[in-house]
Amino acid sequence: MGRALLAAPYGFAEVSNEQQPYAGGARNVRATTMHGCATSGGLVVTDGEQDVLTAATMYYLQDMKMEVIARHLHTSRSTVSRLIKRAREMGLVEITLRPASSRAPGLGQSISSAFGIATYVVPVPDSAGATDRMEQVAITAAKLLASWFDSDMVMGIAWGTTLAAVSRYLTHKPTRGSTIVQLNGAANDRASGTEYVSDLISSFGAAFDSAVNYFPVPAFFDFPETKAAMWRERSVRRVLDVQRRADIALFSVGAVAGAVPSHVYSAGYLDEDDVRTLHSEGVVGDVCTVFLRADGSYRDVALNARATGPTPDELHRVRRRVCVVSGDNKVVPLLAALRSGVVTDLVVDELTASRLLTAVHARDTAGGRLTRALGGTTIRGRLGWPGDVL
């Protein structure tokens, strides 16, 4: 029996596609079908797909059982099941869910209230490992992107471990006139980085039938002057112009260590001197390879003068800025990103969300230090208040 993940702010839940949406315990589920139209921004339903729309309408809006629909369409029950699945994949059906009873709604509401953002908390078992948590968040993020991204839109993608996971769960949604653009360079002095990033960016393009714009520059230049010169080149300016037109920016936050280390720290993009410099400047993580302190500041971090990703100020021009996060090691850099104001939509697993709120609220009184109870271990770290130390 197939199951569908239904998304709503503050929480997610699974419902069976055998359930009757308006009957019994499933009354909190609402499904709507959208008739196709032959416009550049709408869905096109061909004659061959009319049965898809009919089956979806009868199942979701008329509460008909699959056996009844099968008799009406003169086909088998298994074919009806495939038609209903096809309707979801095409975007003909939108399913929304009122918050379920779990910790996720309360966590999401608290985060949203604290930072003025839309928060999507993904329930995970307390025993879930780091990889499982990231995969569940990636599945949810992929589904949300499919509902947000449409024809004639531009989506900017920042490469990384989490975004690579999201790319694996994208489903095909045809669009027209849309564009995917790489937000930050990928090459370093150990490898070109182009194959890794090309596969990631192209998977988004394939999922949405979008044009793809790569950004063929290093992740970090050796000298700020070299970056300034490259930014004057017409080929680079063309990509920067596409980035500025983005309707959606998709990124995660980078963390130096953890069970699932961020790609920028694990793939040779930084040498030992760079890491020592970042540590001495109080850097806790990055967004789009632009490094942040715990209070969200970044302008006077020396390495950022050589970074090729958009700064928080530049990202602020993008209407929807989606941050996808999981993992205990991401709590501090996530808080820094939230303080920088770079996030409008947060997709986060339940355990990370809980620890984020712990990091926001749990301070002891000794020397202005902040303690974070992560996984039962108290850790002290710089979180942007006077006296906080690493």
Protein backbone atom coordinates (compact mmCIF):
# COMPACT_ATOMS: atom_id res chain seq x y z
CA MET A 1 0.00 0.00 0.00
CA GLY A 2 1.63 3.22 -1.16
CA ARG A 3 2.21 6.09 1.23
CA ALA A 4 2.62 9.78 0.57
CA LEU A 5 4.45 12.33 2.71
CA LEU A 6 2.26 15.36 3.22
CA ALA A 7 3.87 18.68 4.09
CA ALA A 8 2.57 21.55 6.18
CA PRO A 9 4.30 24.29 8.16
CA TYR A 10 5.42 23.01 11.59
CA GLY A 11 5.09 19.29 10.77
CA PHE A 12 4.74 16.37 8.42
CA ALA A 13 2.83 13.12 8.46
CA GLU A 14 2.32 10.11 6.24
CA VAL A 15 -1.10 9.01 4.99
CA SER A 16 -1.94 5.97 2.95
CA ASN A 17 -3.16 6.52 -0.57
CA GLU A 18 -5.86 3.98 0.32
CA GLN A 19 -7.39 6.37 2.87
CA GLN A 20 -10.52 8.29 2.11
CA PRO A 21 -9.47 11.90 2.71
CA TYR A 22 -12.78 13.11 4.10
CA ALA A 23 -13.77 10.07 6.12
CA GLY A 24 -13.08 9.01 9.69
CA GLY A 25 -9.67 9.82 11.08
CA ALA A 26 -8.43 11.43 7.87
CA ARG A 27 -10.69 14.47 8.06
CA ASN A 28 -7.73 16.73 8.60
CA VAL A 29 -6.47 15.96 5.08
CA ARG A 30 -7.57 18.15 2.19
CA ALA A 31 -6.87 17.30 -1.44
CA THR A 32 -7.54 19.52 -4.42
CA THR A 33 -7.19 18.70 -8.08
CA MET A 34 -5.98 21.32 -10.52
CA HIS A 35 -7.25 21.25 -14.06
CA GLY A 36 -4.55 21.64 -16.68
CA CYS A 37 -4.29 24.67 -18.91
CA ALA A 38 -2.27 25.34 -22.04
CA THR A 39 -0.36 28.31 -20.66
CA SER A 40 3.34 28.66 -20.01
CA GLY A 41 2.86 28.72 -16.25
CA GLY A 42 0.21 26.01 -15.94
CA LEU A 43 -0.17 22.28 -16.32
CA VAL A 44 -1.13 20.78 -19.64
CA VAL A 45 -3.44 17.77 -19.57
CA THR A 46 -3.44 15.93 -22.87
CA ASP A 47 -6.16 13.62 -24.11
CA GLY A 48 -4.03 10.65 -23.10
CA GLU A 49 -3.82 11.96 -19.55
CA GLN A 50 -7.50 12.73 -19.12
CA ASP A 51 -7.98 9.44 -17.27
CA VAL A 52 -5.35 10.63 -14.77
CA LEU A 53 -7.37 13.74 -13.97
CA THR A 54 -10.64 11.80 -13.88
CA ALA A 55 -9.27 9.15 -11.52
CA ALA A 56 -7.76 11.78 -9.21
CA THR A 57 -10.99 13.79 -9.10
CA MET A 58 -13.12 10.74 -8.31
CA TYR A 59 -10.70 9.45 -5.68
CA TYR A 60 -9.81 12.65 -3.83
CA LEU A 61 -12.89 14.84 -4.31
CA GLN A 62 -15.73 12.33 -4.66
CA ASP A 63 -14.49 9.79 -2.09
CA MET A 64 -14.93 6.91 -4.53
CA LYS A 65 -13.15 3.64 -3.87
CA MET A 66 -10.64 2.38 -6.40
CA GLU A 67 -12.86 -0.53 -7.38
CA VAL A 68 -15.70 1.86 -8.28
CA ILE A 69 -13.34 4.09 -10.27
CA ALA A 70 -11.99 1.04 -12.09
CA ARG A 71 -15.50 0.03 -13.18
CA HIS A 72 -16.24 3.56 -14.33
CA LEU A 73 -13.06 3.73 -16.41
CA HIS A 74 -13.37 0.10 -17.60
CA THR A 75 -9.97 -0.80 -16.24
CA SER A 76 -8.37 -2.63 -13.33
CA ARG A 77 -7.89 -1.47 -9.76
CA SER A 78 -4.10 -1.59 -10.16
CA THR A 79 -4.35 0.74 -13.16
CA VAL A 80 -6.40 3.21 -11.10
CA SER A 81 -3.73 3.12 -8.41
CA ARG A 82 -1.11 3.98 -11.03
CA LEU A 83 -3.28 6.79 -12.41
CA ILE A 84 -3.63 8.33 -8.94
CA LYS A 85 0.11 8.07 -8.38
CA ARG A 86 0.69 9.70 -11.76
CA ALA A 87 -1.63 12.58 -10.78
CA ARG A 88 0.54 13.32 -7.74
CA GLU A 89 3.75 13.13 -9.78
CA MET A 90 2.34 15.53 -12.41
CA GLY A 91 1.32 18.05 -9.78
CA LEU A 92 -2.39 17.67 -10.61
CA VAL A 93 -3.07 16.97 -6.93
CA GLU A 94 -2.05 19.15 -4.00
CA ILE A 95 -2.39 17.65 -0.52
CA THR A 96 -2.21 19.71 2.64
CA LEU A 97 -2.30 18.56 6.24
CA ARG A 98 -3.15 20.39 9.42
CA PRO A 99 -0.47 19.94 12.10
CA ALA A 100 -0.28 16.43 13.52
CA SER A 101 0.08 15.65 17.22
CA SER A 102 3.85 15.39 17.79
CA ARG A 103 6.69 17.52 19.08
CA ALA A 104 7.25 18.86 15.57
CA PRO A 105 4.39 21.42 15.51
CA GLY A 106 5.44 23.03 18.78
CA LEU A 107 9.09 23.11 17.77
CA GLY A 108 8.26 24.65 14.42
CA GLN A 109 6.04 27.29 15.96
CA SER A 110 8.73 28.24 18.47
CA ILE A 111 11.41 28.57 15.80
CA SER A 112 9.08 30.53 13.53
CA SER A 113 8.18 32.90 16.34
CA ALA A 114 11.79 33.40 17.35
CA PHE A 115 13.12 34.16 13.87
CA GLY A 116 10.12 35.20 11.77
CA ILE A 117 10.48 32.40 9.24
CA ALA A 118 8.44 29.47 7.90
CA THR A 119 9.63 26.27 9.59
CA TYR A 120 9.07 22.70 8.40
CA VAL A 121 10.04 20.22 11.11
CA VAL A 122 10.45 16.61 9.95
CA PRO A 123 9.63 14.01 12.64
CA VAL A 124 12.37 11.42 13.15
CA PRO A 125 12.81 8.71 15.82
CA ASP A 126 14.99 9.66 18.78
CA SER A 127 17.24 6.75 17.82
CA ALA A 128 17.75 7.93 14.22
CA GLY A 129 21.37 8.26 13.11
CA ALA A 130 22.86 11.29 11.39
CA THR A 131 22.55 9.82 7.90
CA ASP A 132 18.93 8.72 8.40
CA ARG A 133 18.02 12.17 9.69
CA MET A 134 19.59 13.84 6.69
CA GLU A 135 17.81 11.51 4.27
CA GLN A 136 14.41 12.21 5.84
CA VAL A 137 15.00 15.96 5.67
CA ALA A 138 16.16 15.60 2.05
CA ILE A 139 12.98 13.73 1.09
CA THR A 140 10.84 16.47 2.60
CA ALA A 141 12.84 19.28 1.02
CA ALA A 142 12.55 17.66 -2.41
CA LYS A 143 8.77 17.50 -2.09
CA LEU A 144 8.52 21.11 -0.95
CA LEU A 145 10.69 22.32 -3.83
CA ALA A 146 8.39 20.56 -6.28
CA SER A 147 5.47 22.54 -4.87
CA TRP A 148 7.33 25.88 -4.93
CA PHE A 149 9.29 25.81 -8.18
CA ASP A 150 7.42 26.32 -11.43
CA SER A 151 7.64 27.63 -14.96
CA ASP A 152 9.52 30.88 -15.67
CA MET A 153 11.29 30.74 -12.31
CA VAL A 154 15.00 30.75 -11.42
CA MET A 155 16.39 28.60 -8.59
CA GLY A 156 19.91 29.06 -7.26
CA ILE A 157 21.64 25.98 -5.84
CA ALA A 158 24.59 25.94 -3.42
CA TRP A 159 26.41 22.61 -3.60
CA GLY A 160 27.10 20.47 -0.56
CA THR A 161 26.45 17.15 1.18
CA THR A 162 22.86 17.96 2.17
CA LEU A 163 21.89 19.35 -1.24
CA ALA A 164 23.34 16.25 -2.90
CA ALA A 165 20.95 14.20 -0.74
CA VAL A 166 18.02 16.41 -1.78
CA SER A 167 18.90 15.90 -5.45
CA ARG A 168 18.50 12.13 -5.07
CA TYR A 169 14.84 12.49 -4.07
CA LEU A 170 13.64 14.94 -6.71
CA THR A 171 10.74 13.73 -8.84
CA HIS A 172 10.12 14.88 -12.36
CA LYS A 173 7.98 18.00 -12.66
CA PRO A 174 7.88 19.49 -16.16
CA THR A 175 8.24 23.27 -16.29
CA ARG A 176 8.73 25.79 -19.09
CA GLY A 177 11.22 28.63 -19.23
CA SER A 178 12.74 27.80 -15.85
CA THR A 179 16.42 27.99 -14.92
CA ILE A 180 18.73 26.34 -12.38
CA VAL A 181 21.88 28.32 -11.54
CA GLN A 182 24.91 27.35 -9.47
CA LEU A 183 25.46 29.85 -6.64
CA ASN A 184 29.09 29.23 -5.69
CA GLY A 185 32.24 28.02 -7.41
CA ALA A 186 33.53 24.51 -6.81
CA ALA A 187 37.12 24.10 -8.03
CA ASN A 188 40.05 23.82 -5.62
CA ASP A 189 43.78 23.16 -5.90
CA ARG A 190 43.33 19.41 -5.38
CA ALA A 191 40.55 18.74 -7.90
CA SER A 192 38.39 20.61 -10.35
CA GLY A 193 35.23 19.92 -8.33
CA THR A 194 33.26 20.25 -11.53
CA GLU A 195 32.12 16.63 -11.82
CA TYR A 196 30.63 16.56 -8.32
CA VAL A 197 28.85 19.89 -8.74
CA SER A 198 27.86 19.24 -12.36
CA ASP A 199 26.06 16.05 -11.36
CA LEU A 200 24.26 17.84 -8.54
CA ILE A 201 23.17 20.88 -10.57
CA SER A 202 22.21 18.83 -13.63
CA SER A 203 19.97 16.57 -11.52
CA PHE A 204 17.92 19.64 -10.53
CA GLY A 205 17.77 20.72 -14.17
CA ALA A 206 16.59 17.27 -15.27
CA ALA A 207 13.93 17.11 -12.55
CA PHE A 208 12.30 20.35 -13.70
CA ASP A 209 13.23 20.37 -17.42
CA SER A 210 15.16 23.55 -16.67
CA ALA A 211 18.03 25.29 -18.38
CA VAL A 212 21.22 24.94 -16.32
CA ASN A 213 23.82 27.62 -15.66
CA TYR A 214 27.11 26.46 -14.13
CA PHE A 215 29.51 28.78 -12.32
CA PRO A 216 33.02 27.84 -13.57
CA VAL A 217 35.11 29.55 -10.90
CA PRO A 218 37.01 28.29 -7.83
CA ALA A 219 35.28 27.97 -4.49
CA PHE A 220 37.93 30.38 -3.15
CA PHE A 221 40.36 32.52 -5.12
CA ASP A 222 43.94 32.74 -3.89
CA PHE A 223 43.79 36.54 -3.93
CA PRO A 224 40.92 39.02 -3.56
CA GLU A 225 42.32 40.93 -6.54
CA THR A 226 41.89 37.86 -8.75
CA LYS A 227 38.24 37.59 -7.76
CA ALA A 228 37.67 41.29 -8.50
CA ALA A 229 39.18 40.83 -11.96
CA MET A 230 37.11 37.72 -12.71
CA TRP A 231 33.93 39.46 -11.60
CA ARG A 232 34.51 41.92 -14.45
CA GLU A 233 34.61 39.15 -17.08
CA ARG A 234 31.49 38.99 -19.24
CA SER A 235 31.11 35.20 -18.90
CA VAL A 236 31.14 35.46 -15.10
CA ARG A 237 28.90 38.52 -15.05
CA ARG A 238 26.32 36.62 -17.09
CA VAL A 239 26.05 33.93 -14.39
CA LEU A 240 25.99 36.55 -11.63
CA ASP A 241 23.08 38.26 -13.41
CA VAL A 242 21.14 34.97 -13.47
CA GLN A 243 21.85 34.50 -9.76
CA ARG A 244 20.41 37.96 -9.04
CA ARG A 245 17.16 36.97 -10.77
CA ALA A 246 16.64 33.92 -8.55
CA ASP A 247 13.16 33.36 -7.13
CA ILE A 248 14.42 30.58 -4.82
CA ALA A 249 17.84 30.09 -3.24
CA LEU A 250 18.50 26.59 -1.89
CA PHE A 251 21.35 25.95 0.54
CA SER A 252 22.38 24.27 3.76
CA VAL A 253 24.82 25.40 6.45
CA GLY A 254 28.37 24.14 6.61
CA ALA A 255 29.91 22.80 9.80
CA VAL A 256 33.56 22.01 10.43
CA ALA A 257 33.03 18.60 12.06
CA GLY A 258 30.41 16.00 12.82
CA ALA A 259 29.09 12.61 11.78
CA VAL A 260 28.32 13.97 8.30
CA PRO A 261 31.00 16.63 7.69
CA SER A 262 30.23 19.45 5.28
CA HIS A 263 31.78 19.03 1.83
CA VAL A 264 33.70 22.32 1.93
CA TYR A 265 35.59 21.13 5.03
CA SER A 266 36.09 17.48 4.01
CA ALA A 267 37.09 17.78 0.35
CA GLY A 268 40.25 19.85 0.46
CA TYR A 269 38.85 23.33 -0.11
CA LEU A 270 40.63 24.73 2.95
CA ASP A 271 44.22 24.25 4.04
CA GLU A 272 45.42 24.18 7.64
CA ASP A 273 46.26 27.89 7.65
CA ASP A 274 42.73 28.70 6.45
CA VAL A 275 41.19 26.60 9.20
CA ARG A 276 43.37 28.23 11.87
CA THR A 277 42.44 31.68 10.57
CA LEU A 278 38.73 30.86 10.64
CA HIS A 279 39.04 29.55 14.19
CA SER A 280 40.86 32.66 15.35
CA GLU A 281 38.17 34.87 13.81
CA GLY A 282 35.38 33.04 15.64
CA VAL A 283 33.84 31.46 12.53
CA VAL A 284 31.32 28.70 13.30
CA GLY A 285 30.18 27.69 9.80
CA ASP A 286 29.21 28.93 6.37
CA VAL A 287 26.33 29.55 3.98
CA CYS A 288 27.20 29.21 0.27
CA THR A 289 30.91 29.09 1.31
CA VAL A 290 30.63 32.53 2.92
CA PHE A 291 31.80 32.16 6.54
CA LEU A 292 29.74 33.34 9.50
CA ARG A 293 30.45 34.07 13.12
CA ALA A 294 27.97 32.93 15.71
CA ASP A 295 26.22 36.31 15.76
CA GLY A 296 25.68 36.15 11.99
CA SER A 297 28.40 38.66 11.10
CA TYR A 298 30.65 37.98 8.10
CA ARG A 299 31.83 41.22 6.45
CA ASP A 300 35.26 41.42 8.12
CA VAL A 301 36.08 37.69 7.90
CA ALA A 302 39.22 37.79 5.76
CA LEU A 303 38.58 34.62 3.77
CA ASN A 304 35.21 35.91 2.57
CA ALA A 305 37.02 38.40 0.33
CA ARG A 306 38.17 35.37 -1.68
CA ALA A 307 34.90 33.38 -1.52
CA THR A 308 32.72 33.05 -4.64
CA GLY A 309 29.34 32.43 -3.05
CA PRO A 310 26.72 35.15 -2.51
CA THR A 311 26.90 37.00 0.79
CA PRO A 312 23.90 37.14 3.14
CA ASP A 313 23.21 40.70 1.92
CA GLU A 314 23.17 39.49 -1.68
CA LEU A 315 20.93 36.55 -0.80
CA HIS A 316 18.46 38.92 0.85
CA ARG A 317 17.37 39.95 -2.64
CA VAL A 318 15.94 36.46 -3.21
CA ARG A 319 12.30 36.19 -2.19
CA ARG A 320 12.37 32.57 -0.92
CA ARG A 321 15.59 31.41 0.75
CA VAL A 322 15.38 27.74 1.70
CA CYS A 323 17.80 26.28 4.24
CA VAL A 324 17.86 22.49 4.59
CA VAL A 325 19.56 21.23 7.76
CA SER A 326 20.04 18.12 9.86
CA GLY A 327 22.60 17.03 12.41
CA ASP A 328 23.81 18.06 15.85
CA ASN A 329 26.95 19.65 14.39
CA LYS A 330 24.76 22.02 12.35
CA VAL A 331 23.05 23.64 15.35
CA VAL A 332 25.58 26.42 15.94
CA PRO A 333 26.08 27.36 12.25
CA LEU A 334 22.31 27.20 11.72
CA LEU A 335 21.81 29.67 14.56
CA ALA A 336 24.41 31.94 12.95
CA ALA A 337 22.58 31.75 9.61
CA LEU A 338 19.27 32.58 11.29
CA ARG A 339 20.84 35.55 13.03
CA SER A 340 22.19 36.81 9.71
CA GLY A 341 18.61 36.90 8.40
CA VAL A 342 19.49 34.78 5.39
CA VAL A 343 16.73 32.17 5.88
CA THR A 344 13.03 32.54 5.00
CA ASP A 345 12.12 28.82 4.96
CA LEU A 346 13.78 26.21 7.18
CA VAL A 347 13.50 22.45 6.64
CA VAL A 348 14.97 20.69 9.66
CA ASP A 349 14.67 17.38 11.46
CA GLU A 350 12.96 17.20 14.82
CA LEU A 351 16.08 16.45 16.87
CA THR A 352 18.08 19.30 15.35
CA ALA A 353 15.13 21.65 15.84
CA SER A 354 14.94 20.72 19.52
CA ARG A 355 18.66 21.30 20.01
CA LEU A 356 18.47 24.60 18.16
CA LEU A 357 15.93 25.85 20.69
CA THR A 358 18.15 24.55 23.50
CA ALA A 359 21.03 26.57 22.03
CA VAL A 360 18.85 29.68 21.87
CA HIS A 361 17.52 29.48 25.42
CA ALA A 362 19.93 27.50 27.63
CA ARG A 363 22.61 29.79 29.11
CA ASP A 364 24.34 29.36 32.40
CA THR A 365 25.40 32.37 34.44
CA ALA A 366 29.15 31.72 34.72
CA GLY A 367 31.14 34.23 32.69
CA GLY A 368 28.49 34.67 30.03
CA ARG A 369 29.06 31.17 28.77
CA LEU A 370 26.39 29.22 26.93
CA THR A 371 25.97 25.50 27.44
CA ARG A 372 24.30 23.27 24.90
CA ALA A 373 23.09 19.83 25.84
CA LEU A 374 23.62 17.89 22.64
CA GLY A 375 23.19 14.15 22.83
CA GLY A 376 23.50 14.24 26.59
CA THR A 377 26.92 15.94 26.52
CA THR A 378 27.29 19.53 27.65
CA ILE A 379 29.41 21.52 25.18
CA ARG A 380 30.56 25.11 25.51
CA GLY A 381 30.79 27.24 22.40
CA ARG A 382 30.86 30.76 21.03
CA LEU A 383 27.32 31.82 20.18
CA GLY A 384 27.69 35.53 19.81
CA TRP A 385 27.27 36.89 23.32
CA PRO A 386 29.98 38.79 25.16
CA GLY A 387 32.11 36.35 27.10
CA ASP A 388 31.14 33.27 25.12
CA VAL A 389 34.25 31.28 24.20
CA LEU A 390 35.25 28.33 22.05
